[in-house]
Amino acid sequence: MNFDVKKIFFPSVGVNLVFNINTDFPISKSSIIYDADFKKQTITLAQPNPPISLDTHFQQLHLTTVVDMNQRRLRIGIRCRPIQVISNYPMAGGLPVKALVVQYNLPATETNIRSAFRLPMTSRYTVKAKIIYNKQEYRTPGDFKIKDISFSGLALVILERKKKRNTPLSILKVGTEMIMGLALVDRIQPGAIGTFPVSVQVVRINMNYSETHILIGLKIINITKKNQEVLNRFIHTAQIEELKRISKKG
């Protein structure tokens, strides 16, 4: 299928810059298009957070967005590379903002991201959780912290030792399945946006995350359709608010 870049990647469209899209652990950063020069094959974007420099290391970089086509929702991507960082990009009727210019290569193709967008925890958007493991309950933030969450899983940061003993969650093994309770929190709203259980499975462990902590990746293996919609809406809303914050920040 042929995709017309001019009809997909135009100013004001929300996009994702995806690093290493063909690996098991791609990284996705939200942005928005400020301008496009289709003759030069360049697109000017809002700088994501944290910002990208010309020295940012990656194997692959794709610019992607979701479009409705033939009664289907498709993610379309183009391979690109950063060519310019702009400190004071003039916005129409507003303050200058930080921007990034990428040069893209055709063709645009239907693209799949193996790992969904990861929402880092912030001062506004956070997730409280408890884990039931070996008939014991472990809760945030005392027993573990949530680093980020996506439509498909979570990353947990766990203290490896307490008083020279391994903490129970630090000795989890890849493949272990557990029940987890989640509470999605927007701190400017009272109470939790959603509270529900999910089944999770340990899919990766990074013992070298820091000198004192390990990082554990969990895959969501069982969630109701209703609760999945609540989670998706929470992540999507947080993405939009982050885009607004990026656009206003000069």
C-alpha atoms as a PDB file:
ATOM      1  CA  MET A   1       0.000   0.000   0.000  1.00  0.00           C
ATOM      2  CA  ASN A   2       1.296   3.490  -0.893  1.00  0.00           C
ATOM      3  CA  PHE A   3       1.027   6.197   1.775  1.00  0.00           C
ATOM      4  CA  ASP A   4       1.136   9.915   0.941  1.00  0.00           C
ATOM      5  CA  VAL A   5       3.421  11.599   3.489  1.00  0.00           C
ATOM      6  CA  LYS A   6       1.816  14.993   2.787  1.00  0.00           C
ATOM      7  CA  LYS A   7      -1.559  13.681   3.972  1.00  0.00           C
ATOM      8  CA  ILE A   8      -0.151  11.999   7.094  1.00  0.00           C
ATOM      9  CA  PHE A   9       2.760  13.992   8.542  1.00  0.00           C
ATOM     10  CA  PHE A  10       1.542  17.584   8.405  1.00  0.00           C
ATOM     11  CA  PRO A  11       1.666  20.443  10.986  1.00  0.00           C
ATOM     12  CA  SER A  12      -0.293  19.935  14.254  1.00  0.00           C
ATOM     13  CA  VAL A  13      -0.284  16.115  13.975  1.00  0.00           C
ATOM     14  CA  GLY A  14       0.694  14.238  17.132  1.00  0.00           C
ATOM     15  CA  VAL A  15       3.540  11.789  16.513  1.00  0.00           C
ATOM     16  CA  ASN A  16       5.940   9.417  18.227  1.00  0.00           C
ATOM     17  CA  LEU A  17       9.691   9.293  17.704  1.00  0.00           C
ATOM     18  CA  VAL A  18      10.549   5.627  18.105  1.00  0.00           C
ATOM     19  CA  PHE A  19      14.107   4.501  18.734  1.00  0.00           C
ATOM     20  CA  ASN A  20      15.187   0.999  17.682  1.00  0.00           C
ATOM     21  CA  ILE A  21      11.703  -0.007  16.586  1.00  0.00           C
ATOM     22  CA  ASN A  22      12.725  -3.509  15.485  1.00  0.00           C
ATOM     23  CA  THR A  23      14.210  -4.519  18.825  1.00  0.00           C
ATOM     24  CA  ASP A  24      12.432  -6.121  21.784  1.00  0.00           C
ATOM     25  CA  PHE A  25      12.653  -2.886  23.798  1.00  0.00           C
ATOM     26  CA  PRO A  26      12.028   0.161  21.591  1.00  0.00           C
ATOM     27  CA  ILE A  27      11.767   3.601  23.191  1.00  0.00           C
ATOM     28  CA  SER A  28       8.961   5.940  22.150  1.00  0.00           C
ATOM     29  CA  LYS A  29       8.876   9.711  22.751  1.00  0.00           C
ATOM     30  CA  SER A  30       5.776  11.828  22.111  1.00  0.00           C
ATOM     31  CA  SER A  31       5.967  14.982  20.014  1.00  0.00           C
ATOM     32  CA  ILE A  32       3.941  17.178  17.679  1.00  0.00           C
ATOM     33  CA  ILE A  33       4.721  18.459  14.186  1.00  0.00           C
ATOM     34  CA  TYR A  34       5.372  22.196  13.860  1.00  0.00           C
ATOM     35  CA  ASP A  35       6.281  22.342  10.173  1.00  0.00           C
ATOM     36  CA  ALA A  36       7.110  20.150   7.166  1.00  0.00           C
ATOM     37  CA  ASP A  37       9.121  20.710   3.986  1.00  0.00           C
ATOM     38  CA  PHE A  38       8.193  17.867   1.667  1.00  0.00           C
ATOM     39  CA  LYS A  39      10.634  18.959  -1.045  1.00  0.00           C
ATOM     40  CA  LYS A  40      13.606  18.774   1.321  1.00  0.00           C
ATOM     41  CA  GLN A  41      12.033  15.828   3.165  1.00  0.00           C
ATOM     42  CA  THR A  42      12.386  17.537   6.543  1.00  0.00           C
ATOM     43  CA  ILE A  43       9.948  17.794   9.454  1.00  0.00           C
ATOM     44  CA  THR A  44      10.211  20.186  12.402  1.00  0.00           C
ATOM     45  CA  LEU A  45       8.973  18.780  15.716  1.00  0.00           C
ATOM     46  CA  ALA A  46       8.545  19.756  19.327  1.00  0.00           C
ATOM     47  CA  GLN A  47      11.524  18.573  21.346  1.00  0.00           C
ATOM     48  CA  PRO A  48      10.434  15.559  23.414  1.00  0.00           C
ATOM     49  CA  ASN A  49      11.314  15.220  27.081  1.00  0.00           C
ATOM     50  CA  PRO A  50      14.137  14.489  27.675  1.00  0.00           C
ATOM     51  CA  PRO A  51      15.316  16.331  24.545  1.00  0.00           C
ATOM     52  CA  ILE A  52      17.110  14.708  21.609  1.00  0.00           C
ATOM     53  CA  SER A  53      20.497  15.999  20.447  1.00  0.00           C
ATOM     54  CA  LEU A  54      22.490  15.365  17.297  1.00  0.00           C
ATOM     55  CA  ASP A  55      24.666  13.074  19.422  1.00  0.00           C
ATOM     56  CA  THR A  56      21.798  10.917  20.708  1.00  0.00           C
ATOM     57  CA  HIS A  57      22.790   7.294  20.084  1.00  0.00           C
ATOM     58  CA  PHE A  58      20.402   4.909  18.320  1.00  0.00           C
ATOM     59  CA  GLN A  59      20.393   2.116  15.772  1.00  0.00           C
ATOM     60  CA  GLN A  60      17.161   3.189  14.094  1.00  0.00           C
ATOM     61  CA  LEU A  61      14.839   6.171  14.427  1.00  0.00           C
ATOM     62  CA  HIS A  62      11.308   6.296  13.025  1.00  0.00           C
ATOM     63  CA  LEU A  63       8.680   8.994  13.057  1.00  0.00           C
ATOM     64  CA  THR A  64       5.249   7.401  13.450  1.00  0.00           C
ATOM     65  CA  THR A  65       1.619   8.375  13.800  1.00  0.00           C
ATOM     66  CA  VAL A  66      -1.760   6.634  13.781  1.00  0.00           C
ATOM     67  CA  VAL A  67      -4.259   7.220  10.962  1.00  0.00           C
ATOM     68  CA  ASP A  68      -7.753   5.962  10.135  1.00  0.00           C
ATOM     69  CA  MET A  69      -7.751   4.283   6.719  1.00  0.00           C
ATOM     70  CA  ASN A  70     -10.217   1.893   5.103  1.00  0.00           C
ATOM     71  CA  GLN A  71     -12.058   1.453   8.427  1.00  0.00           C
ATOM     72  CA  ARG A  72      -8.793   0.475  10.138  1.00  0.00           C
ATOM     73  CA  ARG A  73      -6.451   2.274  12.506  1.00  0.00           C
ATOM     74  CA  LEU A  74      -2.925   2.008  11.138  1.00  0.00           C
ATOM     75  CA  ARG A  75       0.401   3.179  12.521  1.00  0.00           C
ATOM     76  CA  ILE A  76       2.429   4.675   9.691  1.00  0.00           C
ATOM     77  CA  GLY A  77       6.160   5.297  10.009  1.00  0.00           C
ATOM     78  CA  ILE A  78       9.050   6.859   8.115  1.00  0.00           C
ATOM     79  CA  ARG A  79      12.710   6.321   8.865  1.00  0.00           C
ATOM     80  CA  CYS A  80      14.480   9.534   9.865  1.00  0.00           C
ATOM     81  CA  ARG A  81      17.508  11.134  11.522  1.00  0.00           C
ATOM     82  CA  PRO A  82      17.939  14.409  13.460  1.00  0.00           C
ATOM     83  CA  ILE A  83      19.748  17.113  11.492  1.00  0.00           C
ATOM     84  CA  GLN A  84      19.163  20.289  13.523  1.00  0.00           C
ATOM     85  CA  VAL A  85      18.315  21.368  17.058  1.00  0.00           C
ATOM     86  CA  ILE A  86      16.588  24.744  17.377  1.00  0.00           C
ATOM     87  CA  SER A  87      16.670  26.511  20.749  1.00  0.00           C
ATOM     88  CA  ASN A  88      14.202  29.276  19.843  1.00  0.00           C
ATOM     89  CA  TYR A  89      11.737  28.125  17.219  1.00  0.00           C
ATOM     90  CA  PRO A  90       9.231  30.951  16.561  1.00  0.00           C
ATOM     91  CA  MET A  91       5.659  29.842  17.170  1.00  0.00           C
ATOM     92  CA  ALA A  92       2.866  31.813  15.536  1.00  0.00           C
ATOM     93  CA  GLY A  93       1.497  34.232  18.091  1.00  0.00           C
ATOM     94  CA  GLY A  94       3.451  32.657  20.953  1.00  0.00           C
ATOM     95  CA  LEU A  95       6.792  32.406  22.684  1.00  0.00           C
ATOM     96  CA  PRO A  96       9.749  30.658  21.010  1.00  0.00           C
ATOM     97  CA  VAL A  97      10.019  26.946  21.824  1.00  0.00           C
ATOM     98  CA  LYS A  98      12.624  24.204  21.532  1.00  0.00           C
ATOM     99  CA  ALA A  99      12.383  22.205  18.326  1.00  0.00           C
ATOM    100  CA  LEU A 100      14.032  19.352  16.474  1.00  0.00           C
ATOM    101  CA  VAL A 101      14.388  18.989  12.701  1.00  0.00           C
ATOM    102  CA  VAL A 102      14.544  15.486  11.243  1.00  0.00           C
ATOM    103  CA  GLN A 103      15.179  14.396   7.675  1.00  0.00           C
ATOM    104  CA  TYR A 104      13.142  11.413   6.560  1.00  0.00           C
ATOM    105  CA  ASN A 105      13.498   8.705   3.940  1.00  0.00           C
ATOM    106  CA  LEU A 106      10.659   7.319   1.853  1.00  0.00           C
ATOM    107  CA  PRO A 107       8.661   5.191   1.584  1.00  0.00           C
ATOM    108  CA  ALA A 108       6.228   5.537   4.458  1.00  0.00           C
ATOM    109  CA  THR A 109       5.158   2.089   5.620  1.00  0.00           C
ATOM    110  CA  GLU A 110       2.751   0.447   8.024  1.00  0.00           C
ATOM    111  CA  THR A 111       4.689   0.073  11.248  1.00  0.00           C
ATOM    112  CA  ASN A 112       4.303  -2.004  14.386  1.00  0.00           C
ATOM    113  CA  ILE A 113       5.887  -1.145  17.713  1.00  0.00           C
ATOM    114  CA  ARG A 114       6.607  -4.292  19.709  1.00  0.00           C
ATOM    115  CA  SER A 115       6.467  -2.437  22.990  1.00  0.00           C
ATOM    116  CA  ALA A 116       3.729   0.140  23.514  1.00  0.00           C
ATOM    117  CA  PHE A 117       4.393   3.725  24.574  1.00  0.00           C
ATOM    118  CA  ARG A 118       5.876   3.867  28.049  1.00  0.00           C
ATOM    119  CA  LEU A 119       4.529   6.538  30.362  1.00  0.00           C
ATOM    120  CA  PRO A 120       7.130   7.590  32.954  1.00  0.00           C
ATOM    121  CA  MET A 121       5.802   8.450  36.387  1.00  0.00           C
ATOM    122  CA  THR A 122       5.678  12.219  37.009  1.00  0.00           C
ATOM    123  CA  SER A 123       4.697  14.550  39.817  1.00  0.00           C
ATOM    124  CA  ARG A 124       1.195  14.668  38.301  1.00  0.00           C
ATOM    125  CA  TYR A 125       0.622  11.217  36.785  1.00  0.00           C
ATOM    126  CA  THR A 126       1.532   8.206  38.869  1.00  0.00           C
ATOM    127  CA  VAL A 127       0.423   4.652  39.603  1.00  0.00           C
ATOM    128  CA  LYS A 128      -0.003   3.148  43.045  1.00  0.00           C
ATOM    129  CA  ALA A 129       0.150  -0.624  43.182  1.00  0.00           C
ATOM    130  CA  LYS A 130       0.299  -3.769  45.261  1.00  0.00           C
ATOM    131  CA  ILE A 131       1.625  -7.196  44.332  1.00  0.00           C
ATOM    132  CA  ILE A 132       0.428 -10.503  45.757  1.00  0.00           C
ATOM    133  CA  TYR A 133       3.284 -13.000  45.685  1.00  0.00           C
ATOM    134  CA  ASN A 134       3.595 -16.193  47.746  1.00  0.00           C
ATOM    135  CA  LYS A 135       0.469 -15.157  49.677  1.00  0.00           C
ATOM    136  CA  GLN A 136       2.157 -11.911  50.780  1.00  0.00           C
ATOM    137  CA  GLU A 137       1.274  -8.344  49.802  1.00  0.00           C
ATOM    138  CA  TYR A 138       3.886  -5.827  48.668  1.00  0.00           C
ATOM    139  CA  ARG A 139       2.989  -2.187  48.102  1.00  0.00           C
ATOM    140  CA  THR A 140       4.302   1.038  46.600  1.00  0.00           C
ATOM    141  CA  PRO A 141       6.350   2.929  47.573  1.00  0.00           C
ATOM    142  CA  GLY A 142       7.730   0.924  50.482  1.00  0.00           C
ATOM    143  CA  ASP A 143       8.397  -2.385  48.721  1.00  0.00           C
ATOM    144  CA  PHE A 144       8.825  -1.236  45.116  1.00  0.00           C
ATOM    145  CA  LYS A 145       8.350   1.752  42.821  1.00  0.00           C
ATOM    146  CA  ILE A 146       6.836   1.896  39.360  1.00  0.00           C
ATOM    147  CA  LYS A 147       9.234   3.458  36.850  1.00  0.00           C
ATOM    148  CA  ASP A 148       6.846   3.491  33.899  1.00  0.00           C
ATOM    149  CA  ILE A 149       3.707   1.860  32.545  1.00  0.00           C
ATOM    150  CA  SER A 150       2.455   1.028  29.042  1.00  0.00           C
ATOM    151  CA  PHE A 151      -0.595  -0.592  27.496  1.00  0.00           C
ATOM    152  CA  SER A 152       1.211  -3.923  27.753  1.00  0.00           C
ATOM    153  CA  GLY A 153       3.293  -3.835  30.926  1.00  0.00           C
ATOM    154  CA  LEU A 154       5.200  -2.072  33.696  1.00  0.00           C
ATOM    155  CA  ALA A 155       8.756  -1.546  34.868  1.00  0.00           C
ATOM    156  CA  LEU A 156       9.422  -1.883  38.603  1.00  0.00           C
ATOM    157  CA  VAL A 157      12.395  -0.589  40.574  1.00  0.00           C
ATOM    158  CA  ILE A 158      13.111  -2.788  43.601  1.00  0.00           C
ATOM    159  CA  LEU A 159      15.605  -2.436  46.441  1.00  0.00           C
ATOM    160  CA  GLU A 160      17.882  -5.449  46.213  1.00  0.00           C
ATOM    161  CA  ARG A 161      18.810  -5.819  49.871  1.00  0.00           C
ATOM    162  CA  LYS A 162      17.579  -4.761  53.293  1.00  0.00           C
ATOM    163  CA  LYS A 163      19.907  -5.280  56.220  1.00  0.00           C
ATOM    164  CA  LYS A 164      22.141  -7.601  54.144  1.00  0.00           C
ATOM    165  CA  ARG A 165      19.201  -9.779  53.097  1.00  0.00           C
ATOM    166  CA  ASN A 166      17.689 -10.036  49.644  1.00  0.00           C
ATOM    167  CA  THR A 167      14.204  -8.538  49.510  1.00  0.00           C
ATOM    168  CA  PRO A 168      11.499 -11.034  48.420  1.00  0.00           C
ATOM    169  CA  LEU A 169      10.710  -9.257  45.154  1.00  0.00           C
ATOM    170  CA  SER A 170      14.395  -8.997  44.225  1.00  0.00           C
ATOM    171  CA  ILE A 171      14.642 -12.768  43.754  1.00  0.00           C
ATOM    172  CA  LEU A 172      11.806 -13.044  41.250  1.00  0.00           C
ATOM    173  CA  LYS A 173      12.575 -15.152  38.187  1.00  0.00           C
ATOM    174  CA  VAL A 174      11.703 -14.607  34.523  1.00  0.00           C
ATOM    175  CA  GLY A 175       8.402 -16.364  33.857  1.00  0.00           C
ATOM    176  CA  THR A 176       6.962 -15.816  37.360  1.00  0.00           C
ATOM    177  CA  GLU A 177       3.266 -14.878  37.263  1.00  0.00           C
ATOM    178  CA  MET A 178       1.600 -12.690  39.913  1.00  0.00           C
ATOM    179  CA  ILE A 179      -1.572 -10.751  40.672  1.00  0.00           C
ATOM    180  CA  MET A 180      -1.197  -6.980  40.803  1.00  0.00           C
ATOM    181  CA  GLY A 181      -3.615  -4.259  41.862  1.00  0.00           C
ATOM    182  CA  LEU A 182      -3.290  -0.876  40.130  1.00  0.00           C
ATOM    183  CA  ALA A 183      -4.592   2.577  41.057  1.00  0.00           C
ATOM    184  CA  LEU A 184      -4.179   5.221  38.333  1.00  0.00           C
ATOM    185  CA  VAL A 185      -3.684   8.680  39.823  1.00  0.00           C
ATOM    186  CA  ASP A 186      -3.889  12.196  38.392  1.00  0.00           C
ATOM    187  CA  ARG A 187      -2.852  14.341  41.346  1.00  0.00           C
ATOM    188  CA  ILE A 188      -4.983  17.304  40.295  1.00  0.00           C
ATOM    189  CA  GLN A 189      -8.087  15.130  40.618  1.00  0.00           C
ATOM    190  CA  PRO A 190      -9.451  13.659  43.865  1.00  0.00           C
ATOM    191  CA  GLY A 191      -9.148   9.906  44.299  1.00  0.00           C
ATOM    192  CA  ALA A 192      -7.985   7.407  41.686  1.00  0.00           C
ATOM    193  CA  ILE A 193      -9.061   7.551  38.041  1.00  0.00           C
ATOM    194  CA  GLY A 194      -9.261   3.773  37.981  1.00  0.00           C
ATOM    195  CA  THR A 195      -8.577   0.877  40.340  1.00  0.00           C
ATOM    196  CA  PHE A 196      -8.426  -2.708  39.085  1.00  0.00           C
ATOM    197  CA  PRO A 197      -6.474  -5.996  39.199  1.00  0.00           C
ATOM    198  CA  VAL A 198      -4.280  -7.439  36.449  1.00  0.00           C
ATOM    199  CA  SER A 199      -2.257 -10.609  36.024  1.00  0.00           C
ATOM    200  CA  VAL A 200       1.410  -9.986  35.201  1.00  0.00           C
ATOM    201  CA  GLN A 201       4.434 -12.056  34.226  1.00  0.00           C
ATOM    202  CA  VAL A 202       8.119 -11.261  34.756  1.00  0.00           C
ATOM    203  CA  VAL A 203       9.701 -10.940  31.297  1.00  0.00           C
ATOM    204  CA  ARG A 204      13.073  -9.338  32.021  1.00  0.00           C
ATOM    205  CA  ILE A 205      15.364  -8.543  34.959  1.00  0.00           C
ATOM    206  CA  ASN A 206      18.177  -5.982  35.017  1.00  0.00           C
ATOM    207  CA  MET A 207      20.411  -6.719  38.007  1.00  0.00           C
ATOM    208  CA  ASN A 208      22.741  -3.836  37.078  1.00  0.00           C
ATOM    209  CA  TYR A 209      20.160  -1.060  37.126  1.00  0.00           C
ATOM    210  CA  SER A 210      22.016   0.630  40.003  1.00  0.00           C
ATOM    211  CA  GLU A 211      24.262  -0.295  42.912  1.00  0.00           C
ATOM    212  CA  THR A 212      21.296  -0.777  45.217  1.00  0.00           C
ATOM    213  CA  HIS A 213      18.280  -1.454  43.011  1.00  0.00           C
ATOM    214  CA  ILE A 214      17.222  -3.822  40.229  1.00  0.00           C
ATOM    215  CA  LEU A 215      14.764  -3.231  37.396  1.00  0.00           C
ATOM    216  CA  ILE A 216      12.071  -5.794  36.640  1.00  0.00           C
ATOM    217  CA  GLY A 217       9.936  -5.738  33.501  1.00  0.00           C
ATOM    218  CA  LEU A 218       6.394  -7.092  33.800  1.00  0.00           C
ATOM    219  CA  LYS A 219       4.053  -8.033  30.972  1.00  0.00           C
ATOM    220  CA  ILE A 220       0.303  -7.703  31.494  1.00  0.00           C
ATOM    221  CA  ILE A 221      -1.112 -11.096  30.573  1.00  0.00           C
ATOM    222  CA  ASN A 222      -4.711 -10.714  31.779  1.00  0.00           C
ATOM    223  CA  ILE A 223      -6.825  -7.551  31.939  1.00  0.00           C
ATOM    224  CA  THR A 224     -10.518  -7.010  31.211  1.00  0.00           C
ATOM    225  CA  LYS A 225     -11.472  -5.007  28.137  1.00  0.00           C
ATOM    226  CA  LYS A 226     -13.108  -2.338  30.311  1.00  0.00           C
ATOM    227  CA  ASN A 227     -10.006  -1.920  32.486  1.00  0.00           C
ATOM    228  CA  GLN A 228      -7.760  -1.892  29.423  1.00  0.00           C
ATOM    229  CA  GLU A 229      -9.789   1.029  28.083  1.00  0.00           C
ATOM    230  CA  VAL A 230      -9.335   2.860  31.398  1.00  0.00           C
ATOM    231  CA  LEU A 231      -5.558   2.264  31.285  1.00  0.00           C
ATOM    232  CA  ASN A 232      -5.317   3.325  27.633  1.00  0.00           C
ATOM    233  CA  ARG A 233      -7.283   6.504  28.321  1.00  0.00           C
ATOM    234  CA  PHE A 234      -5.055   7.331  31.315  1.00  0.00           C
ATOM    235  CA  ILE A 235      -1.873   6.951  29.234  1.00  0.00           C
ATOM    236  CA  HIS A 236      -3.346   8.825  26.271  1.00  0.00           C
ATOM    237  CA  THR A 237      -4.460  11.746  28.469  1.00  0.00           C
ATOM    238  CA  ALA A 238      -1.025  11.940  30.073  1.00  0.00           C
ATOM    239  CA  GLN A 239       0.588  12.003  26.604  1.00  0.00           C
ATOM    240  CA  ILE A 240      -1.614  14.906  25.492  1.00  0.00           C
ATOM    241  CA  GLU A 241      -0.863  16.888  28.647  1.00  0.00           C
ATOM    242  CA  GLU A 242       2.862  16.275  28.111  1.00  0.00           C
ATOM    243  CA  LEU A 243       2.577  17.551  24.515  1.00  0.00           C
ATOM    244  CA  LYS A 244       0.851  20.693  25.791  1.00  0.00           C
ATOM    245  CA  ARG A 245       3.600  21.192  28.364  1.00  0.00           C
ATOM    246  CA  ILE A 246       6.316  20.729  25.740  1.00  0.00           C
ATOM    247  CA  SER A 247       4.645  23.201  23.370  1.00  0.00           C
ATOM    248  CA  LYS A 248       4.348  25.868  26.070  1.00  0.00           C
ATOM    249  CA  LYS A 249       7.863  25.402  27.409  1.00  0.00           C
ATOM    250  CA  GLY A 250      10.348  27.706  25.793  1.00  0.00           C
END
